[in-house]
Structure formats: structure tokens, C-alpha cells
Amino acid sequence: MTILSFQLRLKILYFHATPHGSFLLRLLSSALWTHNMLPYLL
């Protein structure tokens, strides 16, 4: 796990605790999933 992904996980946890967290969590998790799967899809 790189430092960038660790910071991203912290941001996801932080946004999850905010009122708008559910939307931002879905957005960030989908972006993270796309970023992780992109090398395999190409």
C-alpha cells in the first residue's frame, strides 16, 4: 500500500463521517476502483 492510497483511504473515512459522506464515498470508491482496475483493463 502506497502513501497515496493510504491518504485516499483516510479521506474516504473522513468523508464517510460527514453529512454528504455517502455520495462522496461512492464517488471516491468508484474512482479508486477504476484507478486500480485500469491497468488490468488496458
PDB file of N, CA and C in Angstrom:
ATOM      1  N   MET A   1       0.856  -1.200   0.000  1.00  0.00           N
ATOM      2  CA  MET A   1       0.000   0.000   0.000  1.00  0.00           C
ATOM      3  C   MET A   1       0.886   1.243   0.000  1.00  0.00           C
ATOM      4  N   THR A   2       0.685   2.083  -0.983  1.00  0.00           N
ATOM      5  CA  THR A   2       1.482   3.293  -1.080  1.00  0.00           C
ATOM      6  C   THR A   2       0.934   4.368  -0.159  1.00  0.00           C
ATOM      7  N   ILE A   3       1.704   5.419   0.017  1.00  0.00           N
ATOM      8  CA  ILE A   3       1.272   6.513   0.891  1.00  0.00           C
ATOM      9  C   ILE A   3       0.068   7.228   0.281  1.00  0.00           C
ATOM     10  N   LEU A   4       0.037   7.308  -1.045  1.00  0.00           N
ATOM     11  CA  LEU A   4      -1.078   7.974  -1.711  1.00  0.00           C
ATOM     12  C   LEU A   4      -2.384   7.241  -1.444  1.00  0.00           C
ATOM     13  N   SER A   5      -2.355   5.925  -1.575  1.00  0.00           N
ATOM     14  CA  SER A   5      -3.574   5.152  -1.342  1.00  0.00           C
ATOM     15  C   SER A   5      -3.970   5.213   0.127  1.00  0.00           C
ATOM     16  N   PHE A   6      -2.982   5.318   1.014  1.00  0.00           N
ATOM     17  CA  PHE A   6      -3.277   5.430   2.439  1.00  0.00           C
ATOM     18  C   PHE A   6      -3.985   6.745   2.735  1.00  0.00           C
ATOM     19  N   GLN A   7      -3.498   7.837   2.128  1.00  0.00           N
ATOM     20  CA  GLN A   7      -4.136   9.138   2.300  1.00  0.00           C
ATOM     21  C   GLN A   7      -5.534   9.121   1.706  1.00  0.00           C
ATOM     22  N   LEU A   8      -5.696   8.403   0.592  1.00  0.00           N
ATOM     23  CA  LEU A   8      -7.001   8.312  -0.042  1.00  0.00           C
ATOM     24  C   LEU A   8      -7.982   7.579   0.856  1.00  0.00           C
ATOM     25  N   ARG A   9      -7.501   6.524   1.528  1.00  0.00           N
ATOM     26  CA  ARG A   9      -8.359   5.791   2.461  1.00  0.00           C
ATOM     27  C   ARG A   9      -8.764   6.679   3.634  1.00  0.00           C
ATOM     28  N   LEU A  10      -7.838   7.509   4.108  1.00  0.00           N
ATOM     29  CA  LEU A  10      -8.153   8.429   5.197  1.00  0.00           C
ATOM     30  C   LEU A  10      -9.202   9.440   4.756  1.00  0.00           C
ATOM     31  N   LYS A  11      -9.088   9.924   3.529  1.00  0.00           N
ATOM     32  CA  LYS A  11     -10.070  10.869   3.005  1.00  0.00           C
ATOM     33  C   LYS A  11     -11.430  10.210   2.874  1.00  0.00           C
ATOM     34  N   ILE A  12     -11.443   8.944   2.427  1.00  0.00           N
ATOM     35  CA  ILE A  12     -12.706   8.221   2.306  1.00  0.00           C
ATOM     36  C   ILE A  12     -13.350   8.058   3.676  1.00  0.00           C
ATOM     37  N   LEU A  13     -12.551   7.712   4.677  1.00  0.00           N
ATOM     38  CA  LEU A  13     -13.078   7.570   6.033  1.00  0.00           C
ATOM     39  C   LEU A  13     -13.580   8.912   6.550  1.00  0.00           C
ATOM     40  N   TYR A  14     -12.857   9.997   6.225  1.00  0.00           N
ATOM     41  CA  TYR A  14     -13.262  11.322   6.681  1.00  0.00           C
ATOM     42  C   TYR A  14     -14.571  11.745   6.026  1.00  0.00           C
ATOM     43  N   PHE A  15     -14.678  11.566   4.716  1.00  0.00           N
ATOM     44  CA  PHE A  15     -15.897  11.943   4.005  1.00  0.00           C
ATOM     45  C   PHE A  15     -17.077  11.094   4.441  1.00  0.00           C
ATOM     46  N   HIS A  16     -16.793   9.852   4.840  1.00  0.00           N
ATOM     47  CA  HIS A  16     -17.865   8.960   5.275  1.00  0.00           C
ATOM     48  C   HIS A  16     -18.489   9.470   6.568  1.00  0.00           C
ATOM     49  N   ALA A  17     -17.722  10.257   7.347  1.00  0.00           N
ATOM     50  CA  ALA A  17     -18.213  10.775   8.621  1.00  0.00           C
ATOM     51  C   ALA A  17     -18.929  12.115   8.452  1.00  0.00           C
ATOM     52  N   THR A  18     -18.933  12.657   7.248  1.00  0.00           N
ATOM     53  CA  THR A  18     -19.589  13.939   7.008  1.00  0.00           C
ATOM     54  C   THR A  18     -21.008  13.720   6.504  1.00  0.00           C
ATOM     55  N   PRO A  19     -21.860  14.746   6.579  1.00  0.00           N
ATOM     56  CA  PRO A  19     -23.252  14.600   6.125  1.00  0.00           C
ATOM     57  C   PRO A  19     -23.364  14.170   4.668  1.00  0.00           C
ATOM     58  N   HIS A  20     -22.469  14.678   3.816  1.00  0.00           N
ATOM     59  CA  HIS A  20     -22.514  14.333   2.394  1.00  0.00           C
ATOM     60  C   HIS A  20     -21.613  13.139   2.104  1.00  0.00           C
ATOM     61  N   GLY A  21     -21.223  12.433   3.150  1.00  0.00           N
ATOM     62  CA  GLY A  21     -20.242  11.357   3.013  1.00  0.00           C
ATOM     63  C   GLY A  21     -20.677  10.236   2.100  1.00  0.00           C
ATOM     64  N   SER A  22     -21.970   9.895   2.117  1.00  0.00           N
ATOM     65  CA  SER A  22     -22.415   8.732   1.345  1.00  0.00           C
ATOM     66  C   SER A  22     -22.166   8.937  -0.147  1.00  0.00           C
ATOM     67  N   PHE A  23     -22.472  10.131  -0.653  1.00  0.00           N
ATOM     68  CA  PHE A  23     -22.256  10.415  -2.074  1.00  0.00           C
ATOM     69  C   PHE A  23     -20.763  10.465  -2.397  1.00  0.00           C
ATOM     70  N   LEU A  24     -20.004  11.165  -1.551  1.00  0.00           N
ATOM     71  CA  LEU A  24     -18.570  11.289  -1.794  1.00  0.00           C
ATOM     72  C   LEU A  24     -17.871   9.951  -1.648  1.00  0.00           C
ATOM     73  N   LEU A  25     -18.369   9.127  -0.728  1.00  0.00           N
ATOM     74  CA  LEU A  25     -17.769   7.806  -0.542  1.00  0.00           C
ATOM     75  C   LEU A  25     -17.959   6.952  -1.783  1.00  0.00           C
ATOM     76  N   ARG A  26     -19.159   6.994  -2.358  1.00  0.00           N
ATOM     77  CA  ARG A  26     -19.407   6.227  -3.588  1.00  0.00           C
ATOM     78  C   ARG A  26     -18.542   6.764  -4.724  1.00  0.00           C
ATOM     79  N   LEU A  27     -18.420   8.082  -4.802  1.00  0.00           N
ATOM     80  CA  LEU A  27     -17.632   8.693  -5.872  1.00  0.00           C
ATOM     81  C   LEU A  27     -16.156   8.320  -5.750  1.00  0.00           C
ATOM     82  N   LEU A  28     -15.622   8.440  -4.532  1.00  0.00           N
ATOM     83  CA  LEU A  28     -14.210   8.134  -4.319  1.00  0.00           C
ATOM     84  C   LEU A  28     -13.923   6.652  -4.465  1.00  0.00           C
ATOM     85  N   SER A  29     -14.828   5.818  -3.962  1.00  0.00           N
ATOM     86  CA  SER A  29     -14.594   4.376  -4.047  1.00  0.00           C
ATOM     87  C   SER A  29     -14.644   3.903  -5.496  1.00  0.00           C
ATOM     88  N   SER A  30     -15.564   4.480  -6.281  1.00  0.00           N
ATOM     89  CA  SER A  30     -15.638   4.100  -7.693  1.00  0.00           C
ATOM     90  C   SER A  30     -14.404   4.600  -8.445  1.00  0.00           C
ATOM     91  N   ALA A  31     -13.929   5.789  -8.088  1.00  0.00           N
ATOM     92  CA  ALA A  31     -12.722   6.321  -8.723  1.00  0.00           C
ATOM     93  C   ALA A  31     -11.507   5.484  -8.346  1.00  0.00           C
ATOM     94  N   LEU A  32     -11.443   5.073  -7.074  1.00  0.00           N
ATOM     95  CA  LEU A  32     -10.332   4.241  -6.627  1.00  0.00           C
ATOM     96  C   LEU A  32     -10.380   2.879  -7.303  1.00  0.00           C
ATOM     97  N   TRP A  33     -11.570   2.308  -7.449  1.00  0.00           N
ATOM     98  CA  TRP A  33     -11.720   1.009  -8.099  1.00  0.00           C
ATOM     99  C   TRP A  33     -11.302   1.110  -9.564  1.00  0.00           C
ATOM    100  N   THR A  34     -11.724   2.181 -10.233  1.00  0.00           N
ATOM    101  CA  THR A  34     -11.358   2.384 -11.638  1.00  0.00           C
ATOM    102  C   THR A  34      -9.847   2.539 -11.775  1.00  0.00           C
ATOM    103  N   HIS A  35      -9.237   3.292 -10.851  1.00  0.00           N
ATOM    104  CA  HIS A  35      -7.790   3.506 -10.895  1.00  0.00           C
ATOM    105  C   HIS A  35      -7.046   2.193 -10.672  1.00  0.00           C
ATOM    106  N   ASN A  36      -7.571   1.338  -9.809  1.00  0.00           N
ATOM    107  CA  ASN A  36      -6.912   0.061  -9.528  1.00  0.00           C
ATOM    108  C   ASN A  36      -7.112  -0.938 -10.658  1.00  0.00           C
ATOM    109  N   MET A  37      -8.269  -0.895 -11.318  1.00  0.00           N
ATOM    110  CA  MET A  37      -8.584  -1.873 -12.351  1.00  0.00           C
ATOM    111  C   MET A  37      -8.092  -1.450 -13.735  1.00  0.00           C
ATOM    112  N   LEU A  38      -7.751  -0.180 -13.902  1.00  0.00           N
ATOM    113  CA  LEU A  38      -7.366   0.334 -15.215  1.00  0.00           C
ATOM    114  C   LEU A  38      -6.202  -0.435 -15.847  1.00  0.00           C
ATOM    115  N   PRO A  39      -5.122  -0.738 -15.099  1.00  0.00           N
ATOM    116  CA  PRO A  39      -4.021  -1.496 -15.720  1.00  0.00           C
ATOM    117  C   PRO A  39      -4.455  -2.863 -16.230  1.00  0.00           C
ATOM    118  N   TYR A  40      -5.434  -3.483 -15.565  1.00  0.00           N
ATOM    119  CA  TYR A  40      -5.883  -4.809 -15.988  1.00  0.00           C
ATOM    120  C   TYR A  40      -6.818  -4.720 -17.189  1.00  0.00           C
ATOM    121  N   LEU A  41      -7.544  -3.608 -17.296  1.00  0.00           N
ATOM    122  CA  LEU A  41      -8.494  -3.458 -18.396  1.00  0.00           C
ATOM    123  C   LEU A  41      -7.801  -3.064 -19.693  1.00  0.00           C
ATOM    124  N   LEU A  42      -6.653  -2.398 -19.594  1.00  0.00           N
ATOM    125  CA  LEU A  42      -5.966  -1.935 -20.802  1.00  0.00           C
ATOM    126  C   LEU A  42      -5.195  -3.050 -21.490  1.00  0.00           C
TER     127      LEU A  42
END
